[in-house]
Amino acid sequence: MDSGLRNSLIDEFGALSLRVDKGALVESFVFSELLKKEEKINFWRTKAKAEVDFVLKKEFPFPLEVKFQKIKKFNLSKSFLSFLEAYRPKRALVLTNQGWGKIKYRQTQIFFVPVWYI
């Protein structure tokens, strides 16, 4: 919950762009921001270890994935696609460091939003 304390304990205060743990730091940031706005935050994981970072309960399951490493624009993981196939949500969100976008995957509208926008 406290990335400042974590950074102090591991003595790591380098620039985010240079850190090997930047994905974990950004995911932790997103979690702490979601806690301010949501009553309940879930995640999804299968026995085969496919996972989605966060699933919010709205009128339908709302998957939210954090992808902070370099990826091809609008690239989706197999795990994320598995969730979309299983639950068929109307909308999904991918928080990224690569800008804005929108695609449709079958019946799901997927929005790509800069992580800082959360």
PDB file of N, CA and C in Angstrom:
ATOM      1  N   MET A   1       0.808  -1.199   0.000  1.00  0.00           N
ATOM      2  CA  MET A   1       0.000   0.000   0.000  1.00  0.00           C
ATOM      3  C   MET A   1       0.852   1.266   0.000  1.00  0.00           C
ATOM      4  N   ASP A   2       1.986   1.223   0.658  1.00  0.00           N
ATOM      5  CA  ASP A   2       2.828   2.412   0.770  1.00  0.00           C
ATOM      6  C   ASP A   2       4.118   2.192  -0.020  1.00  0.00           C
ATOM      7  N   SER A   3       4.126   2.680  -1.252  1.00  0.00           N
ATOM      8  CA  SER A   3       5.303   2.454  -2.096  1.00  0.00           C
ATOM      9  C   SER A   3       6.511   3.248  -1.603  1.00  0.00           C
ATOM     10  N   GLY A   4       6.288   4.357  -0.913  1.00  0.00           N
ATOM     11  CA  GLY A   4       7.410   5.104  -0.337  1.00  0.00           C
ATOM     12  C   GLY A   4       8.122   4.291   0.726  1.00  0.00           C
ATOM     13  N   LEU A   5       7.364   3.656   1.602  1.00  0.00           N
ATOM     14  CA  LEU A   5       7.943   2.788   2.617  1.00  0.00           C
ATOM     15  C   LEU A   5       8.651   1.603   1.965  1.00  0.00           C
ATOM     16  N   ARG A   6       8.002   1.017   0.958  1.00  0.00           N
ATOM     17  CA  ARG A   6       8.605  -0.100   0.221  1.00  0.00           C
ATOM     18  C   ARG A   6       9.935   0.320  -0.398  1.00  0.00           C
ATOM     19  N   ASN A   7       9.942   1.467  -1.045  1.00  0.00           N
ATOM     20  CA  ASN A   7      11.168   1.950  -1.678  1.00  0.00           C
ATOM     21  C   ASN A   7      12.263   2.176  -0.649  1.00  0.00           C
ATOM     22  N   SER A   8      11.889   2.691   0.509  1.00  0.00           N
ATOM     23  CA  SER A   8      12.852   2.927   1.573  1.00  0.00           C
ATOM     24  C   SER A   8      13.439   1.610   2.087  1.00  0.00           C
ATOM     25  N   LEU A   9      12.583   0.614   2.271  1.00  0.00           N
ATOM     26  CA  LEU A   9      13.051  -0.676   2.775  1.00  0.00           C
ATOM     27  C   LEU A   9      14.008  -1.369   1.815  1.00  0.00           C
ATOM     28  N   ILE A  10      13.783  -1.205   0.516  1.00  0.00           N
ATOM     29  CA  ILE A  10      14.679  -1.843  -0.457  1.00  0.00           C
ATOM     30  C   ILE A  10      15.738  -0.877  -0.987  1.00  0.00           C
ATOM     31  N   ASP A  11      15.732   0.350  -0.452  1.00  0.00           N
ATOM     32  CA  ASP A  11      16.698   1.379  -0.828  1.00  0.00           C
ATOM     33  C   ASP A  11      16.744   1.592  -2.338  1.00  0.00           C
ATOM     34  N   GLU A  12      15.573   1.836  -2.917  1.00  0.00           N
ATOM     35  CA  GLU A  12      15.456   2.047  -4.362  1.00  0.00           C
ATOM     36  C   GLU A  12      14.596   3.274  -4.628  1.00  0.00           C
ATOM     37  N   PHE A  13      15.242   4.333  -5.097  1.00  0.00           N
ATOM     38  CA  PHE A  13      14.532   5.581  -5.376  1.00  0.00           C
ATOM     39  C   PHE A  13      14.810   6.075  -6.796  1.00  0.00           C
ATOM     40  N   GLY A  14      15.208   5.161  -7.687  1.00  0.00           N
ATOM     41  CA  GLY A  14      15.521   5.538  -9.058  1.00  0.00           C
ATOM     42  C   GLY A  14      14.286   5.976  -9.836  1.00  0.00           C
ATOM     43  N   ALA A  15      14.541   6.571 -10.978  1.00  0.00           N
ATOM     44  CA  ALA A  15      13.456   7.015 -11.859  1.00  0.00           C
ATOM     45  C   ALA A  15      12.609   5.818 -12.275  1.00  0.00           C
ATOM     46  N   LEU A  16      11.310   6.012 -12.354  1.00  0.00           N
ATOM     47  CA  LEU A  16      10.402   4.929 -12.700  1.00  0.00           C
ATOM     48  C   LEU A  16      10.788   4.271 -14.024  1.00  0.00           C
ATOM     49  N   SER A  17      11.204   5.065 -14.986  1.00  0.00           N
ATOM     50  CA  SER A  17      11.549   4.520 -16.301  1.00  0.00           C
ATOM     51  C   SER A  17      12.734   3.562 -16.254  1.00  0.00           C
ATOM     52  N   LEU A  18      13.554   3.646 -15.213  1.00  0.00           N
ATOM     53  CA  LEU A  18      14.750   2.801 -15.095  1.00  0.00           C
ATOM     54  C   LEU A  18      14.563   1.609 -14.162  1.00  0.00           C
ATOM     55  N   ARG A  19      13.434   1.524 -13.505  1.00  0.00           N
ATOM     56  CA  ARG A  19      13.235   0.502 -12.482  1.00  0.00           C
ATOM     57  C   ARG A  19      12.741  -0.810 -13.073  1.00  0.00           C
ATOM     58  N   VAL A  20      13.263  -1.910 -12.557  1.00  0.00           N
ATOM     59  CA  VAL A  20      12.809  -3.226 -13.003  1.00  0.00           C
ATOM     60  C   VAL A  20      11.456  -3.580 -12.397  1.00  0.00           C
ATOM     61  N   ASP A  21      11.085  -2.929 -11.315  1.00  0.00           N
ATOM     62  CA  ASP A  21       9.815  -3.212 -10.637  1.00  0.00           C
ATOM     63  C   ASP A  21       8.724  -2.192 -10.964  1.00  0.00           C
ATOM     64  N   LYS A  22       8.879  -1.478 -12.081  1.00  0.00           N
ATOM     65  CA  LYS A  22       7.924  -0.416 -12.402  1.00  0.00           C
ATOM     66  C   LYS A  22       6.508  -0.945 -12.594  1.00  0.00           C
ATOM     67  N   GLY A  23       6.355  -2.126 -13.169  1.00  0.00           N
ATOM     68  CA  GLY A  23       5.022  -2.695 -13.351  1.00  0.00           C
ATOM     69  C   GLY A  23       4.321  -2.915 -12.022  1.00  0.00           C
ATOM     70  N   ALA A  24       5.037  -3.464 -11.055  1.00  0.00           N
ATOM     71  CA  ALA A  24       4.470  -3.710  -9.727  1.00  0.00           C
ATOM     72  C   ALA A  24       4.140  -2.395  -9.023  1.00  0.00           C
ATOM     73  N   LEU A  25       5.000  -1.397  -9.166  1.00  0.00           N
ATOM     74  CA  LEU A  25       4.738  -0.098  -8.547  1.00  0.00           C
ATOM     75  C   LEU A  25       3.488   0.560  -9.129  1.00  0.00           C
ATOM     76  N   VAL A  26       3.357   0.501 -10.434  1.00  0.00           N
ATOM     77  CA  VAL A  26       2.204   1.120 -11.082  1.00  0.00           C
ATOM     78  C   VAL A  26       0.925   0.356 -10.726  1.00  0.00           C
ATOM     79  N   GLU A  27       0.999  -0.963 -10.685  1.00  0.00           N
ATOM     80  CA  GLU A  27      -0.171  -1.752 -10.305  1.00  0.00           C
ATOM     81  C   GLU A  27      -0.589  -1.442  -8.863  1.00  0.00           C
ATOM     82  N   SER A  28       0.380  -1.268  -7.988  1.00  0.00           N
ATOM     83  CA  SER A  28       0.089  -0.903  -6.598  1.00  0.00           C
ATOM     84  C   SER A  28      -0.556   0.486  -6.528  1.00  0.00           C
ATOM     85  N   PHE A  29      -0.057   1.420  -7.326  1.00  0.00           N
ATOM     86  CA  PHE A  29      -0.646   2.762  -7.396  1.00  0.00           C
ATOM     87  C   PHE A  29      -2.106   2.687  -7.844  1.00  0.00           C
ATOM     88  N   VAL A  30      -2.364   1.903  -8.884  1.00  0.00           N
ATOM     89  CA  VAL A  30      -3.734   1.762  -9.390  1.00  0.00           C
ATOM     90  C   VAL A  30      -4.622   1.170  -8.304  1.00  0.00           C
ATOM     91  N   PHE A  31      -4.140   0.150  -7.602  1.00  0.00           N
ATOM     92  CA  PHE A  31      -4.909  -0.458  -6.522  1.00  0.00           C
ATOM     93  C   PHE A  31      -5.269   0.575  -5.455  1.00  0.00           C
ATOM     94  N   SER A  32      -4.293   1.371  -5.036  1.00  0.00           N
ATOM     95  CA  SER A  32      -4.571   2.363  -3.990  1.00  0.00           C
ATOM     96  C   SER A  32      -5.563   3.420  -4.476  1.00  0.00           C
ATOM     97  N   GLU A  33      -5.513   3.792  -5.743  1.00  0.00           N
ATOM     98  CA  GLU A  33      -6.473   4.748  -6.285  1.00  0.00           C
ATOM     99  C   GLU A  33      -7.871   4.138  -6.382  1.00  0.00           C
ATOM    100  N   LEU A  34      -7.951   2.861  -6.759  1.00  0.00           N
ATOM    101  CA  LEU A  34      -9.246   2.196  -6.834  1.00  0.00           C
ATOM    102  C   LEU A  34      -9.894   2.085  -5.459  1.00  0.00           C
ATOM    103  N   LEU A  35      -9.080   1.846  -4.436  1.00  0.00           N
ATOM    104  CA  LEU A  35      -9.610   1.743  -3.071  1.00  0.00           C
ATOM    105  C   LEU A  35     -10.332   3.011  -2.634  1.00  0.00           C
ATOM    106  N   LYS A  36      -9.919   4.145  -3.173  1.00  0.00           N
ATOM    107  CA  LYS A  36     -10.555   5.418  -2.832  1.00  0.00           C
ATOM    108  C   LYS A  36     -11.939   5.554  -3.461  1.00  0.00           C
ATOM    109  N   LYS A  37     -12.201   4.767  -4.521  1.00  0.00           N
ATOM    110  CA  LYS A  37     -13.422   4.950  -5.296  1.00  0.00           C
ATOM    111  C   LYS A  37     -14.367   3.753  -5.281  1.00  0.00           C
ATOM    112  N   GLU A  38     -13.858   2.597  -4.947  1.00  0.00           N
ATOM    113  CA  GLU A  38     -14.643   1.370  -5.048  1.00  0.00           C
ATOM    114  C   GLU A  38     -14.823   0.713  -3.686  1.00  0.00           C
ATOM    115  N   GLU A  39     -15.982   0.117  -3.479  1.00  0.00           N
ATOM    116  CA  GLU A  39     -16.226  -0.598  -2.228  1.00  0.00           C
ATOM    117  C   GLU A  39     -15.523  -1.946  -2.212  1.00  0.00           C
ATOM    118  N   LYS A  40     -15.539  -2.626  -3.334  1.00  0.00           N
ATOM    119  CA  LYS A  40     -14.954  -3.955  -3.395  1.00  0.00           C
ATOM    120  C   LYS A  40     -14.160  -4.102  -4.681  1.00  0.00           C
ATOM    121  N   ILE A  41     -12.935  -4.594  -4.540  1.00  0.00           N
ATOM    122  CA  ILE A  41     -12.066  -4.819  -5.682  1.00  0.00           C
ATOM    123  C   ILE A  41     -11.704  -6.306  -5.688  1.00  0.00           C
ATOM    124  N   ASN A  42     -11.928  -6.938  -6.823  1.00  0.00           N
ATOM    125  CA  ASN A  42     -11.602  -8.350  -6.988  1.00  0.00           C
ATOM    126  C   ASN A  42     -10.514  -8.488  -8.029  1.00  0.00           C
ATOM    127  N   PHE A  43      -9.990  -9.684  -8.149  1.00  0.00           N
ATOM    128  CA  PHE A  43      -9.134 -10.035  -9.263  1.00  0.00           C
ATOM    129  C   PHE A  43      -9.620 -11.372  -9.769  1.00  0.00           C
ATOM    130  N   TRP A  44      -9.113 -11.825 -10.892  1.00  0.00           N
ATOM    131  CA  TRP A  44      -9.555 -13.079 -11.491  1.00  0.00           C
ATOM    132  C   TRP A  44      -8.330 -13.906 -11.824  1.00  0.00           C
ATOM    133  N   ARG A  45      -8.355 -15.154 -11.413  1.00  0.00           N
ATOM    134  CA  ARG A  45      -7.253 -16.069 -11.733  1.00  0.00           C
ATOM    135  C   ARG A  45      -7.829 -17.468 -11.918  1.00  0.00           C
ATOM    136  N   THR A  46      -7.373 -18.152 -12.966  1.00  0.00           N
ATOM    137  CA  THR A  46      -7.817 -19.520 -13.222  1.00  0.00           C
ATOM    138  C   THR A  46      -6.823 -20.503 -12.614  1.00  0.00           C
ATOM    139  N   LYS A  47      -7.189 -21.769 -12.591  1.00  0.00           N
ATOM    140  CA  LYS A  47      -6.269 -22.811 -12.120  1.00  0.00           C
ATOM    141  C   LYS A  47      -5.021 -22.876 -12.991  1.00  0.00           C
ATOM    142  N   ALA A  48      -5.164 -22.481 -14.258  1.00  0.00           N
ATOM    143  CA  ALA A  48      -4.028 -22.475 -15.189  1.00  0.00           C
ATOM    144  C   ALA A  48      -3.184 -21.208 -15.062  1.00  0.00           C
ATOM    145  N   LYS A  49      -3.494 -20.371 -14.066  1.00  0.00           N
ATOM    146  CA  LYS A  49      -2.751 -19.142 -13.742  1.00  0.00           C
ATOM    147  C   LYS A  49      -3.019 -17.971 -14.690  1.00  0.00           C
ATOM    148  N   ALA A  50      -4.066 -18.038 -15.495  1.00  0.00           N
ATOM    149  CA  ALA A  50      -4.471 -16.866 -16.276  1.00  0.00           C
ATOM    150  C   ALA A  50      -5.064 -15.877 -15.283  1.00  0.00           C
ATOM    151  N   GLU A  51      -4.755 -14.585 -15.446  1.00  0.00           N
ATOM    152  CA  GLU A  51      -5.269 -13.624 -14.480  1.00  0.00           C
ATOM    153  C   GLU A  51      -5.563 -12.265 -15.102  1.00  0.00           C
ATOM    154  N   VAL A  52      -6.477 -11.569 -14.443  1.00  0.00           N
ATOM    155  CA  VAL A  52      -6.790 -10.174 -14.749  1.00  0.00           C
ATOM    156  C   VAL A  52      -6.538  -9.410 -13.462  1.00  0.00           C
ATOM    157  N   ASP A  53      -5.840  -8.278 -13.569  1.00  0.00           N
ATOM    158  CA  ASP A  53      -5.398  -7.537 -12.386  1.00  0.00           C
ATOM    159  C   ASP A  53      -6.531  -7.145 -11.455  1.00  0.00           C
ATOM    160  N   PHE A  54      -7.584  -6.545 -11.997  1.00  0.00           N
ATOM    161  CA  PHE A  54      -8.691  -6.077 -11.175  1.00  0.00           C
ATOM    162  C   PHE A  54     -10.009  -6.348 -11.884  1.00  0.00           C
ATOM    163  N   VAL A  55     -11.009  -6.722 -11.106  1.00  0.00           N
ATOM    164  CA  VAL A  55     -12.370  -6.876 -11.633  1.00  0.00           C
ATOM    165  C   VAL A  55     -13.292  -6.116 -10.691  1.00  0.00           C
ATOM    166  N   LEU A  56     -13.940  -5.121 -11.227  1.00  0.00           N
ATOM    167  CA  LEU A  56     -14.863  -4.301 -10.447  1.00  0.00           C
ATOM    168  C   LEU A  56     -16.278  -4.780 -10.714  1.00  0.00           C
ATOM    169  N   LYS A  57     -17.096  -4.730  -9.700  1.00  0.00           N
ATOM    170  CA  LYS A  57     -18.489  -5.133  -9.853  1.00  0.00           C
ATOM    171  C   LYS A  57     -19.313  -3.894 -10.164  1.00  0.00           C
ATOM    172  N   LYS A  58     -19.782  -3.832 -11.356  1.00  0.00           N
ATOM    173  CA  LYS A  58     -20.719  -2.790 -11.771  1.00  0.00           C
ATOM    174  C   LYS A  58     -22.023  -3.501 -12.090  1.00  0.00           C
ATOM    175  N   GLU A  59     -22.736  -3.094 -13.130  1.00  0.00           N
ATOM    176  CA  GLU A  59     -23.905  -3.858 -13.547  1.00  0.00           C
ATOM    177  C   GLU A  59     -23.487  -5.146 -14.249  1.00  0.00           C
ATOM    178  N   PHE A  60     -22.187  -5.253 -14.520  1.00  0.00           N
ATOM    179  CA  PHE A  60     -21.568  -6.453 -15.100  1.00  0.00           C
ATOM    180  C   PHE A  60     -20.136  -6.489 -14.596  1.00  0.00           C
ATOM    181  N   PRO A  61     -19.469  -7.636 -14.664  1.00  0.00           N
ATOM    182  CA  PRO A  61     -18.054  -7.656 -14.258  1.00  0.00           C
ATOM    183  C   PRO A  61     -17.247  -6.734 -15.179  1.00  0.00           C
ATOM    184  N   PHE A  62     -16.470  -5.856 -14.580  1.00  0.00           N
ATOM    185  CA  PHE A  62     -15.699  -4.868 -15.340  1.00  0.00           C
ATOM    186  C   PHE A  62     -14.204  -5.140 -15.147  1.00  0.00           C
ATOM    187  N   PRO A  63     -13.543  -5.748 -16.159  1.00  0.00           N
ATOM    188  CA  PRO A  63     -12.114  -6.062 -16.021  1.00  0.00           C
ATOM    189  C   PRO A  63     -11.242  -4.840 -16.272  1.00  0.00           C
ATOM    190  N   LEU A  64     -10.200  -4.737 -15.477  1.00  0.00           N
ATOM    191  CA  LEU A  64      -9.249  -3.640 -15.582  1.00  0.00           C
ATOM    192  C   LEU A  64      -7.844  -4.232 -15.516  1.00  0.00           C
ATOM    193  N   GLU A  65      -7.076  -4.030 -16.554  1.00  0.00           N
ATOM    194  CA  GLU A  65      -5.727  -4.577 -16.655  1.00  0.00           C
ATOM    195  C   GLU A  65      -4.722  -3.429 -16.675  1.00  0.00           C
ATOM    196  N   VAL A  66      -3.593  -3.613 -16.002  1.00  0.00           N
ATOM    197  CA  VAL A  66      -2.519  -2.624 -15.995  1.00  0.00           C
ATOM    198  C   VAL A  66      -1.382  -3.185 -16.848  1.00  0.00           C
ATOM    199  N   LYS A  67      -1.040  -2.472 -17.916  1.00  0.00           N
ATOM    200  CA  LYS A  67       0.054  -2.880 -18.810  1.00  0.00           C
ATOM    201  C   LYS A  67       1.007  -1.706 -18.951  1.00  0.00           C
ATOM    202  N   PHE A  68       2.041  -1.699 -18.137  1.00  0.00           N
ATOM    203  CA  PHE A  68       2.946  -0.556 -18.132  1.00  0.00           C
ATOM    204  C   PHE A  68       4.233  -0.800 -18.915  1.00  0.00           C
ATOM    205  N   GLN A  69       4.552  -2.048 -19.198  1.00  0.00           N
ATOM    206  CA  GLN A  69       5.757  -2.314 -19.968  1.00  0.00           C
ATOM    207  C   GLN A  69       5.503  -2.025 -21.451  1.00  0.00           C
ATOM    208  N   LYS A  70       6.563  -2.021 -22.226  1.00  0.00           N
ATOM    209  CA  LYS A  70       6.415  -1.777 -23.659  1.00  0.00           C
ATOM    210  C   LYS A  70       5.633  -2.923 -24.275  1.00  0.00           C
ATOM    211  N   ILE A  71       4.533  -2.603 -24.924  1.00  0.00           N
ATOM    212  CA  ILE A  71       3.732  -3.588 -25.636  1.00  0.00           C
ATOM    213  C   ILE A  71       3.372  -3.019 -26.990  1.00  0.00           C
ATOM    214  N   LYS A  72       2.990  -3.902 -27.889  1.00  0.00           N
ATOM    215  CA  LYS A  72       2.456  -3.402 -29.149  1.00  0.00           C
ATOM    216  C   LYS A  72       1.151  -2.689 -28.845  1.00  0.00           C
ATOM    217  N   LYS A  73       0.938  -1.588 -29.488  1.00  0.00           N
ATOM    218  CA  LYS A  73      -0.262  -0.793 -29.208  1.00  0.00           C
ATOM    219  C   LYS A  73      -1.512  -1.662 -29.321  1.00  0.00           C
ATOM    220  N   PHE A  74      -2.323  -1.598 -28.307  1.00  0.00           N
ATOM    221  CA  PHE A  74      -3.599  -2.305 -28.234  1.00  0.00           C
ATOM    222  C   PHE A  74      -3.430  -3.824 -28.246  1.00  0.00           C
ATOM    223  N   ASN A  75      -2.316  -4.308 -27.732  1.00  0.00           N
ATOM    224  CA  ASN A  75      -2.088  -5.745 -27.603  1.00  0.00           C
ATOM    225  C   ASN A  75      -2.749  -6.241 -26.320  1.00  0.00           C
ATOM    226  N   LEU A  76      -3.445  -7.364 -26.395  1.00  0.00           N
ATOM    227  CA  LEU A  76      -4.129  -7.919 -25.239  1.00  0.00           C
ATOM    228  C   LEU A  76      -3.532  -9.274 -24.878  1.00  0.00           C
ATOM    229  N   SER A  77      -3.399  -9.532 -23.594  1.00  0.00           N
ATOM    230  CA  SER A  77      -2.845 -10.806 -23.143  1.00  0.00           C
ATOM    231  C   SER A  77      -3.864 -11.925 -23.319  1.00  0.00           C
ATOM    232  N   LYS A  78      -3.369 -13.149 -23.369  1.00  0.00           N
ATOM    233  CA  LYS A  78      -4.255 -14.314 -23.463  1.00  0.00           C
ATOM    234  C   LYS A  78      -5.161 -14.390 -22.232  1.00  0.00           C
ATOM    235  N   SER A  79      -4.627 -14.025 -21.075  1.00  0.00           N
ATOM    236  CA  SER A  79      -5.423 -14.050 -19.852  1.00  0.00           C
ATOM    237  C   SER A  79      -6.610 -13.096 -19.948  1.00  0.00           C
ATOM    238  N   PHE A  80      -6.345 -11.895 -20.432  1.00  0.00           N
ATOM    239  CA  PHE A  80      -7.406 -10.889 -20.563  1.00  0.00           C
ATOM    240  C   PHE A  80      -8.467 -11.371 -21.547  1.00  0.00           C
ATOM    241  N   LEU A  81      -8.022 -11.930 -22.661  1.00  0.00           N
ATOM    242  CA  LEU A  81      -8.958 -12.447 -23.662  1.00  0.00           C
ATOM    243  C   LEU A  81      -9.771 -13.612 -23.094  1.00  0.00           C
ATOM    244  N   SER A  82      -9.156 -14.436 -22.250  1.00  0.00           N
ATOM    245  CA  SER A  82      -9.883 -15.542 -21.607  1.00  0.00           C
ATOM    246  C   SER A  82     -11.019 -15.018 -20.750  1.00  0.00           C
ATOM    247  N   PHE A  83     -10.748 -13.953 -20.005  1.00  0.00           N
ATOM    248  CA  PHE A  83     -11.796 -13.338 -19.182  1.00  0.00           C
ATOM    249  C   PHE A  83     -12.922 -12.815 -20.069  1.00  0.00           C
ATOM    250  N   LEU A  84     -12.570 -12.134 -21.145  1.00  0.00           N
ATOM    251  CA  LEU A  84     -13.581 -11.583 -22.045  1.00  0.00           C
ATOM    252  C   LEU A  84     -14.446 -12.686 -22.645  1.00  0.00           C
ATOM    253  N   GLU A  85     -13.821 -13.808 -22.991  1.00  0.00           N
ATOM    254  CA  GLU A  85     -14.569 -14.952 -23.540  1.00  0.00           C
ATOM    255  C   GLU A  85     -15.510 -15.542 -22.494  1.00  0.00           C
ATOM    256  N   ALA A  86     -15.024 -15.670 -21.262  1.00  0.00           N
ATOM    257  CA  ALA A  86     -15.799 -16.321 -20.208  1.00  0.00           C
ATOM    258  C   ALA A  86     -16.973 -15.482 -19.721  1.00  0.00           C
ATOM    259  N   TYR A  87     -16.773 -14.165 -19.581  1.00  0.00           N
ATOM    260  CA  TYR A  87     -17.787 -13.316 -18.944  1.00  0.00           C
ATOM    261  C   TYR A  87     -18.487 -12.344 -19.886  1.00  0.00           C
ATOM    262  N   ARG A  88     -17.938 -12.133 -21.050  1.00  0.00           N
ATOM    263  CA  ARG A  88     -18.538 -11.270 -22.075  1.00  0.00           C
ATOM    264  C   ARG A  88     -19.011  -9.904 -21.546  1.00  0.00           C
ATOM    265  N   PRO A  89     -18.102  -9.161 -20.896  1.00  0.00           N
ATOM    266  CA  PRO A  89     -18.512  -7.834 -20.398  1.00  0.00           C
ATOM    267  C   PRO A  89     -18.766  -6.866 -21.550  1.00  0.00           C
ATOM    268  N   LYS A  90     -19.564  -5.852 -21.277  1.00  0.00           N
ATOM    269  CA  LYS A  90     -19.836  -4.837 -22.298  1.00  0.00           C
ATOM    270  C   LYS A  90     -18.622  -3.951 -22.528  1.00  0.00           C
ATOM    271  N   ARG A  91     -17.898  -3.654 -21.421  1.00  0.00           N
ATOM    272  CA  ARG A  91     -16.736  -2.757 -21.508  1.00  0.00           C
ATOM    273  C   ARG A  91     -15.587  -3.318 -20.668  1.00  0.00           C
ATOM    274  N   ALA A  92     -14.378  -2.921 -21.047  1.00  0.00           N
ATOM    275  CA  ALA A  92     -13.174  -3.296 -20.307  1.00  0.00           C
ATOM    276  C   ALA A  92     -12.188  -2.146 -20.412  1.00  0.00           C
ATOM    277  N   LEU A  93     -11.225  -2.134 -19.495  1.00  0.00           N
ATOM    278  CA  LEU A  93     -10.261  -1.031 -19.452  1.00  0.00           C
ATOM    279  C   LEU A  93      -8.851  -1.579 -19.312  1.00  0.00           C
ATOM    280  N   VAL A  94      -7.930  -1.019 -20.117  1.00  0.00           N
ATOM    281  CA  VAL A  94      -6.515  -1.323 -20.002  1.00  0.00           C
ATOM    282  C   VAL A  94      -5.804  -0.005 -19.709  1.00  0.00           C
ATOM    283  N   LEU A  95      -5.157   0.051 -18.547  1.00  0.00           N
ATOM    284  CA  LEU A  95      -4.371   1.234 -18.189  1.00  0.00           C
ATOM    285  C   LEU A  95      -2.947   1.005 -18.677  1.00  0.00           C
ATOM    286  N   THR A  96      -2.418   1.963 -19.419  1.00  0.00           N
ATOM    287  CA  THR A  96      -1.138   1.779 -20.086  1.00  0.00           C
ATOM    288  C   THR A  96      -0.301   3.046 -20.033  1.00  0.00           C
ATOM    289  N   ASN A  97       0.949   2.927 -20.415  1.00  0.00           N
ATOM    290  CA  ASN A  97       1.820   4.098 -20.535  1.00  0.00           C
ATOM    291  C   ASN A  97       1.940   4.531 -21.994  1.00  0.00           C
ATOM    292  N   GLN A  98       1.079   4.029 -22.842  1.00  0.00           N
ATOM    293  CA  GLN A  98       1.215   4.280 -24.270  1.00  0.00           C
ATOM    294  C   GLN A  98       0.054   5.039 -24.901  1.00  0.00           C
ATOM    295  N   GLY A  99      -0.730   5.729 -24.117  1.00  0.00           N
ATOM    296  CA  GLY A  99      -1.722   6.615 -24.704  1.00  0.00           C
ATOM    297  C   GLY A  99      -3.130   6.070 -24.764  1.00  0.00           C
ATOM    298  N   TRP A 100      -3.956   6.786 -25.515  1.00  0.00           N
ATOM    299  CA  TRP A 100      -5.385   6.541 -25.605  1.00  0.00           C
ATOM    300  C   TRP A 100      -5.712   5.645 -26.793  1.00  0.00           C
ATOM    301  N   GLY A 101      -6.813   4.907 -26.670  1.00  0.00           N
ATOM    302  CA  GLY A 101      -7.275   4.110 -27.792  1.00  0.00           C
ATOM    303  C   GLY A 101      -8.538   3.360 -27.447  1.00  0.00           C
ATOM    304  N   LYS A 102      -9.106   2.743 -28.464  1.00  0.00           N
ATOM    305  CA  LYS A 102     -10.327   1.969 -28.273  1.00  0.00           C
ATOM    306  C   LYS A 102     -10.384   0.911 -29.356  1.00  0.00           C
ATOM    307  N   ILE A 103     -10.717  -0.311 -28.962  1.00  0.00           N
ATOM    308  CA  ILE A 103     -10.942  -1.381 -29.923  1.00  0.00           C
ATOM    309  C   ILE A 103     -12.170  -2.168 -29.475  1.00  0.00           C
ATOM    310  N   LYS A 104     -12.680  -2.957 -30.373  1.00  0.00           N
ATOM    311  CA  LYS A 104     -13.792  -3.841 -30.023  1.00  0.00           C
ATOM    312  C   LYS A 104     -13.304  -5.275 -30.196  1.00  0.00           C
ATOM    313  N   TYR A 105     -13.549  -6.084 -29.173  1.00  0.00           N
ATOM    314  CA  TYR A 105     -13.244  -7.510 -29.243  1.00  0.00           C
ATOM    315  C   TYR A 105     -14.564  -8.233 -29.040  1.00  0.00           C
ATOM    316  N   ARG A 106     -15.071  -8.803 -30.113  1.00  0.00           N
ATOM    317  CA  ARG A 106     -16.393  -9.419 -30.099  1.00  0.00           C
ATOM    318  C   ARG A 106     -17.424  -8.442 -29.564  1.00  0.00           C
ATOM    319  N   GLN A 107     -18.043  -8.704 -28.418  1.00  0.00           N
ATOM    320  CA  GLN A 107     -19.078  -7.817 -27.886  1.00  0.00           C
ATOM    321  C   GLN A 107     -18.535  -6.803 -26.889  1.00  0.00           C
ATOM    322  N   THR A 108     -17.225  -6.818 -26.624  1.00  0.00           N
ATOM    323  CA  THR A 108     -16.648  -5.960 -25.583  1.00  0.00           C
ATOM    324  C   THR A 108     -15.935  -4.757 -26.186  1.00  0.00           C
ATOM    325  N   GLN A 109     -16.298  -3.583 -25.712  1.00  0.00           N
ATOM    326  CA  GLN A 109     -15.605  -2.343 -26.061  1.00  0.00           C
ATOM    327  C   GLN A 109     -14.436  -2.191 -25.065  1.00  0.00           C
ATOM    328  N   ILE A 110     -13.203  -2.162 -25.573  1.00  0.00           N
ATOM    329  CA  ILE A 110     -12.016  -2.088 -24.716  1.00  0.00           C
ATOM    330  C   ILE A 110     -11.380  -0.715 -24.892  1.00  0.00           C
ATOM    331  N   PHE A 111     -11.225  -0.029 -23.767  1.00  0.00           N
ATOM    332  CA  PHE A 111     -10.641   1.303 -23.775  1.00  0.00           C
ATOM    333  C   PHE A 111      -9.223   1.229 -23.236  1.00  0.00           C
ATOM    334  N   PHE A 112      -8.297   1.879 -23.925  1.00  0.00           N
ATOM    335  CA  PHE A 112      -6.907   2.019 -23.488  1.00  0.00           C
ATOM    336  C   PHE A 112      -6.738   3.452 -23.012  1.00  0.00           C
ATOM    337  N   VAL A 113      -6.323   3.594 -21.759  1.00  0.00           N
ATOM    338  CA  VAL A 113      -6.265   4.898 -21.112  1.00  0.00           C
ATOM    339  C   VAL A 113      -4.908   5.032 -20.424  1.00  0.00           C
ATOM    340  N   PRO A 114      -4.271   6.189 -20.503  1.00  0.00           N
ATOM    341  CA  PRO A 114      -3.012   6.379 -19.766  1.00  0.00           C
ATOM    342  C   PRO A 114      -3.218   6.159 -18.267  1.00  0.00           C
ATOM    343  N   VAL A 115      -2.298   5.471 -17.641  1.00  0.00           N
ATOM    344  CA  VAL A 115      -2.433   5.108 -16.233  1.00  0.00           C
ATOM    345  C   VAL A 115      -2.554   6.349 -15.349  1.00  0.00           C
ATOM    346  N   TRP A 116      -1.914   7.439 -15.727  1.00  0.00           N
ATOM    347  CA  TRP A 116      -1.967   8.655 -14.913  1.00  0.00           C
ATOM    348  C   TRP A 116      -3.368   9.258 -14.870  1.00  0.00           C
ATOM    349  N   TYR A 117      -4.259   8.846 -15.794  1.00  0.00           N
ATOM    350  CA  TYR A 117      -5.607   9.403 -15.857  1.00  0.00           C
ATOM    351  C   TYR A 117      -6.511   8.885 -14.744  1.00  0.00           C
ATOM    352  N   ILE A 118      -6.131   7.763 -14.155  1.00  0.00           N
ATOM    353  CA  ILE A 118      -6.976   7.156 -13.129  1.00  0.00           C
ATOM    354  C   ILE A 118      -7.123   8.098 -11.952  1.00  0.00           C
TER     355      ILE A 118
END
